[in-house]
């Protein structure tokens, strides 16, 4: 459903439909994409890093990273191109997290699973009612 919103880039009002920015900002982003793409499609520039592409085109590194994350630039054709991990900023070539951050998340989930299992075992032990039998030696 379309809604009236302010463009996050320039602040102007626009009808938010399929895009999250106004038409003027969208066109500017498209121009910058064309600059980047025309630069890196040249054989001599295919080995450029993201920083080199940014310096030579004037397009911000963050915008180049956005193009990569959106799948508009495929790194299989550009061996030195990387972008930052969304968690720690380490340079990566695929996904959104580096190996270290993925491993930290995996370990955290594993620890959480073990903690929940331990708490469940404690609850089960507490829920067991023990029957106590008393014997009385009737010495009179």
C-alpha atoms as a PDB file:
ATOM      1  CA  UNK A   1       0.000   0.000   0.000  1.00  0.00           C
ATOM      2  CA  UNK A   2       1.350   3.415  -0.953  1.00  0.00           C
ATOM      3  CA  UNK A   3       1.965   5.982   1.756  1.00  0.00           C
ATOM      4  CA  UNK A   4       3.156   9.570   1.864  1.00  0.00           C
ATOM      5  CA  UNK A   5       6.622   9.786   3.452  1.00  0.00           C
ATOM      6  CA  UNK A   6       9.736  11.922   3.587  1.00  0.00           C
ATOM      7  CA  UNK A   7      12.684  10.732   1.530  1.00  0.00           C
ATOM      8  CA  UNK A   8      15.420   9.499   3.892  1.00  0.00           C
ATOM      9  CA  UNK A   9      18.070  10.977   1.574  1.00  0.00           C
ATOM     10  CA  UNK A  10      16.807  14.487   0.803  1.00  0.00           C
ATOM     11  CA  UNK A  11      13.767  14.943   3.042  1.00  0.00           C
ATOM     12  CA  UNK A  12      11.298  15.735   0.267  1.00  0.00           C
ATOM     13  CA  UNK A  13       7.793  14.259   0.340  1.00  0.00           C
ATOM     14  CA  UNK A  14       7.069  11.354  -1.974  1.00  0.00           C
ATOM     15  CA  UNK A  15       4.622   8.510  -2.331  1.00  0.00           C
ATOM     16  CA  UNK A  16       6.360   5.412  -1.008  1.00  0.00           C
ATOM     17  CA  UNK A  17       5.382   2.563  -3.218  1.00  0.00           C
ATOM     18  CA  UNK A  18       8.087   0.203  -4.422  1.00  0.00           C
ATOM     19  CA  UNK A  19      11.087   2.400  -3.648  1.00  0.00           C
ATOM     20  CA  UNK A  20      12.191   3.685  -0.285  1.00  0.00           C
ATOM     21  CA  UNK A  21      13.496   7.006  -1.730  1.00  0.00           C
ATOM     22  CA  UNK A  22      12.031   9.709  -3.954  1.00  0.00           C
ATOM     23  CA  UNK A  23      12.417   9.596  -7.748  1.00  0.00           C
ATOM     24  CA  UNK A  24      15.148  12.250  -7.788  1.00  0.00           C
ATOM     25  CA  UNK A  25      17.282  10.363  -5.263  1.00  0.00           C
ATOM     26  CA  UNK A  26      16.610   7.070  -7.025  1.00  0.00           C
ATOM     27  CA  UNK A  27      17.807   8.551 -10.307  1.00  0.00           C
ATOM     28  CA  UNK A  28      20.943   9.883  -8.586  1.00  0.00           C
ATOM     29  CA  UNK A  29      21.687   6.428  -7.147  1.00  0.00           C
ATOM     30  CA  UNK A  30      21.191   4.921 -10.611  1.00  0.00           C
ATOM     31  CA  UNK A  31      23.668   7.432 -12.088  1.00  0.00           C
ATOM     32  CA  UNK A  32      26.201   6.481  -9.430  1.00  0.00           C
ATOM     33  CA  UNK A  33      25.638   2.797 -10.111  1.00  0.00           C
ATOM     34  CA  UNK A  34      26.265   3.378 -13.802  1.00  0.00           C
ATOM     35  CA  UNK A  35      29.518   5.193 -12.924  1.00  0.00           C
ATOM     36  CA  UNK A  36      30.677   2.263 -10.794  1.00  0.00           C
ATOM     37  CA  UNK A  37      29.594  -0.387 -13.261  1.00  0.00           C
ATOM     38  CA  UNK A  38      31.112   1.318 -16.285  1.00  0.00           C
ATOM     39  CA  UNK A  39      34.381   1.694 -14.330  1.00  0.00           C
ATOM     40  CA  UNK A  40      34.674  -1.916 -13.163  1.00  0.00           C
ATOM     41  CA  UNK A  41      33.493  -3.539 -16.386  1.00  0.00           C
ATOM     42  CA  UNK A  42      36.679  -2.347 -18.101  1.00  0.00           C
ATOM     43  CA  UNK A  43      39.211  -5.181 -18.109  1.00  0.00           C
ATOM     44  CA  UNK A  44      41.949  -3.040 -16.526  1.00  0.00           C
ATOM     45  CA  UNK A  45      39.721  -2.100 -13.582  1.00  0.00           C
ATOM     46  CA  UNK A  46      38.322  -5.529 -12.706  1.00  0.00           C
ATOM     47  CA  UNK A  47      40.979  -6.055 -10.061  1.00  0.00           C
ATOM     48  CA  UNK A  48      40.212  -2.778  -8.298  1.00  0.00           C
ATOM     49  CA  UNK A  49      39.276  -2.753  -4.639  1.00  0.00           C
ATOM     50  CA  UNK A  50      36.166  -1.022  -3.337  1.00  0.00           C
ATOM     51  CA  UNK A  51      38.325   1.878  -2.108  1.00  0.00           C
ATOM     52  CA  UNK A  52      39.975   2.284  -5.512  1.00  0.00           C
ATOM     53  CA  UNK A  53      36.587   2.227  -7.248  1.00  0.00           C
ATOM     54  CA  UNK A  54      35.323   4.851  -4.825  1.00  0.00           C
ATOM     55  CA  UNK A  55      38.354   7.088  -5.333  1.00  0.00           C
ATOM     56  CA  UNK A  56      38.213   6.837  -9.112  1.00  0.00           C
ATOM     57  CA  UNK A  57      34.443   7.267  -9.522  1.00  0.00           C
ATOM     58  CA  UNK A  58      33.616   9.569  -6.625  1.00  0.00           C
ATOM     59  CA  UNK A  59      30.925   7.154  -5.408  1.00  0.00           C
ATOM     60  CA  UNK A  60      30.896   6.514  -1.648  1.00  0.00           C
ATOM     61  CA  UNK A  61      32.236   3.150  -0.490  1.00  0.00           C
ATOM     62  CA  UNK A  62      29.044   2.604   1.492  1.00  0.00           C
ATOM     63  CA  UNK A  63      26.979   2.954  -1.675  1.00  0.00           C
ATOM     64  CA  UNK A  64      29.222   0.499  -3.509  1.00  0.00           C
ATOM     65  CA  UNK A  65      28.749  -1.917  -0.591  1.00  0.00           C
ATOM     66  CA  UNK A  66      24.998  -1.415  -0.907  1.00  0.00           C
ATOM     67  CA  UNK A  67      25.152  -2.310  -4.618  1.00  0.00           C
ATOM     68  CA  UNK A  68      26.991  -5.516  -3.702  1.00  0.00           C
ATOM     69  CA  UNK A  69      24.557  -6.427  -0.898  1.00  0.00           C
ATOM     70  CA  UNK A  70      21.589  -5.800  -3.197  1.00  0.00           C
ATOM     71  CA  UNK A  71      23.126  -8.204  -5.712  1.00  0.00           C
ATOM     72  CA  UNK A  72      23.626  -5.567  -8.372  1.00  0.00           C
ATOM     73  CA  UNK A  73      27.390  -6.230  -8.442  1.00  0.00           C
ATOM     74  CA  UNK A  74      28.553  -9.849  -8.416  1.00  0.00           C
ATOM     75  CA  UNK A  75      31.969 -10.319  -6.850  1.00  0.00           C
ATOM     76  CA  UNK A  76      32.769 -13.451  -8.831  1.00  0.00           C
ATOM     77  CA  UNK A  77      33.896 -11.153 -11.648  1.00  0.00           C
ATOM     78  CA  UNK A  78      35.897  -8.831  -9.378  1.00  0.00           C
ATOM     79  CA  UNK A  79      38.503 -10.765  -7.340  1.00  0.00           C
ATOM     80  CA  UNK A  80      39.707  -7.890  -5.111  1.00  0.00           C
ATOM     81  CA  UNK A  81      36.323  -6.380  -4.320  1.00  0.00           C
ATOM     82  CA  UNK A  82      35.053  -6.844  -0.768  1.00  0.00           C
ATOM     83  CA  UNK A  83      32.527  -5.205   1.528  1.00  0.00           C
ATOM     84  CA  UNK A  84      32.238  -4.898   5.324  1.00  0.00           C
ATOM     85  CA  UNK A  85      30.647  -7.436   7.658  1.00  0.00           C
ATOM     86  CA  UNK A  86      27.435  -5.926   9.021  1.00  0.00           C
ATOM     87  CA  UNK A  87      28.465  -6.777  12.569  1.00  0.00           C
ATOM     88  CA  UNK A  88      32.180  -6.030  12.949  1.00  0.00           C
ATOM     89  CA  UNK A  89      33.197  -4.360   9.673  1.00  0.00           C
ATOM     90  CA  UNK A  90      35.749  -6.989   8.614  1.00  0.00           C
ATOM     91  CA  UNK A  91      36.032  -7.229   4.827  1.00  0.00           C
ATOM     92  CA  UNK A  92      34.100 -10.166   3.338  1.00  0.00           C
ATOM     93  CA  UNK A  93      33.152 -11.452  -0.125  1.00  0.00           C
ATOM     94  CA  UNK A  94      29.822 -13.173   0.511  1.00  0.00           C
ATOM     95  CA  UNK A  95      26.911 -13.149   2.924  1.00  0.00           C
ATOM     96  CA  UNK A  96      26.431 -10.418   5.471  1.00  0.00           C
ATOM     97  CA  UNK A  97      28.599 -11.706   8.335  1.00  0.00           C
ATOM     98  CA  UNK A  98      32.244 -12.757   8.525  1.00  0.00           C
ATOM     99  CA  UNK A  99      33.220 -16.244   9.736  1.00  0.00           C
ATOM    100  CA  UNK A 100      34.134 -14.953  13.180  1.00  0.00           C
ATOM    101  CA  UNK A 101      30.755 -13.286  13.730  1.00  0.00           C
ATOM    102  CA  UNK A 102      28.924 -16.362  12.412  1.00  0.00           C
ATOM    103  CA  UNK A 103      30.890 -18.545  14.817  1.00  0.00           C
ATOM    104  CA  UNK A 104      30.151 -16.208  17.737  1.00  0.00           C
ATOM    105  CA  UNK A 105      26.437 -16.378  16.944  1.00  0.00           C
ATOM    106  CA  UNK A 106      26.575 -20.160  16.580  1.00  0.00           C
ATOM    107  CA  UNK A 107      28.367 -20.510  19.934  1.00  0.00           C
ATOM    108  CA  UNK A 108      25.886 -18.171  21.601  1.00  0.00           C
ATOM    109  CA  UNK A 109      22.957 -20.189  20.271  1.00  0.00           C
ATOM    110  CA  UNK A 110      24.591 -23.432  21.389  1.00  0.00           C
ATOM    111  CA  UNK A 111      25.187 -22.042  24.890  1.00  0.00           C
ATOM    112  CA  UNK A 112      21.590 -20.831  25.029  1.00  0.00           C
ATOM    113  CA  UNK A 113      20.310 -24.269  23.956  1.00  0.00           C
ATOM    114  CA  UNK A 114      22.400 -25.998  26.641  1.00  0.00           C
ATOM    115  CA  UNK A 115      21.228 -23.493  29.259  1.00  0.00           C
ATOM    116  CA  UNK A 116      17.560 -24.093  28.358  1.00  0.00           C
ATOM    117  CA  UNK A 117      18.078 -27.870  28.498  1.00  0.00           C
ATOM    118  CA  UNK A 118      19.731 -27.559  31.922  1.00  0.00           C
ATOM    119  CA  UNK A 119      16.850 -25.424  33.215  1.00  0.00           C
ATOM    120  CA  UNK A 120      14.326 -27.928  31.834  1.00  0.00           C
ATOM    121  CA  UNK A 121      16.095 -30.792  33.637  1.00  0.00           C
ATOM    122  CA  UNK A 122      16.016 -28.819  36.895  1.00  0.00           C
ATOM    123  CA  UNK A 123      12.295 -28.142  36.482  1.00  0.00           C
ATOM    124  CA  UNK A 124      11.649 -31.822  35.808  1.00  0.00           C
ATOM    125  CA  UNK A 125      13.520 -32.803  38.981  1.00  0.00           C
ATOM    126  CA  UNK A 126      11.595 -30.242  41.008  1.00  0.00           C
ATOM    127  CA  UNK A 127       8.295 -31.448  39.580  1.00  0.00           C
ATOM    128  CA  UNK A 128       8.864 -35.058  40.682  1.00  0.00           C
ATOM    129  CA  UNK A 129       7.062 -35.687  43.926  1.00  0.00           C
ATOM    130  CA  UNK A 130       8.863 -38.066  46.179  1.00  0.00           C
ATOM    131  CA  UNK A 131       6.841 -40.481  48.239  1.00  0.00           C
ATOM    132  CA  UNK A 132       8.291 -41.004  51.640  1.00  0.00           C
ATOM    133  CA  UNK A 133       7.453 -44.108  53.586  1.00  0.00           C
ATOM    134  CA  UNK A 134       7.928 -44.157  57.324  1.00  0.00           C
ATOM    135  CA  UNK A 135       8.202 -47.284  59.302  1.00  0.00           C
ATOM    136  CA  UNK A 136       7.550 -47.216  62.961  1.00  0.00           C
ATOM    137  CA  UNK A 137       9.023 -49.712  65.274  1.00  0.00           C
ATOM    138  CA  UNK A 138       6.321 -50.188  67.773  1.00  0.00           C
ATOM    139  CA  UNK A 139       8.318 -51.041  70.847  1.00  0.00           C
ATOM    140  CA  UNK A 140       6.265 -50.748  73.882  1.00  0.00           C
END
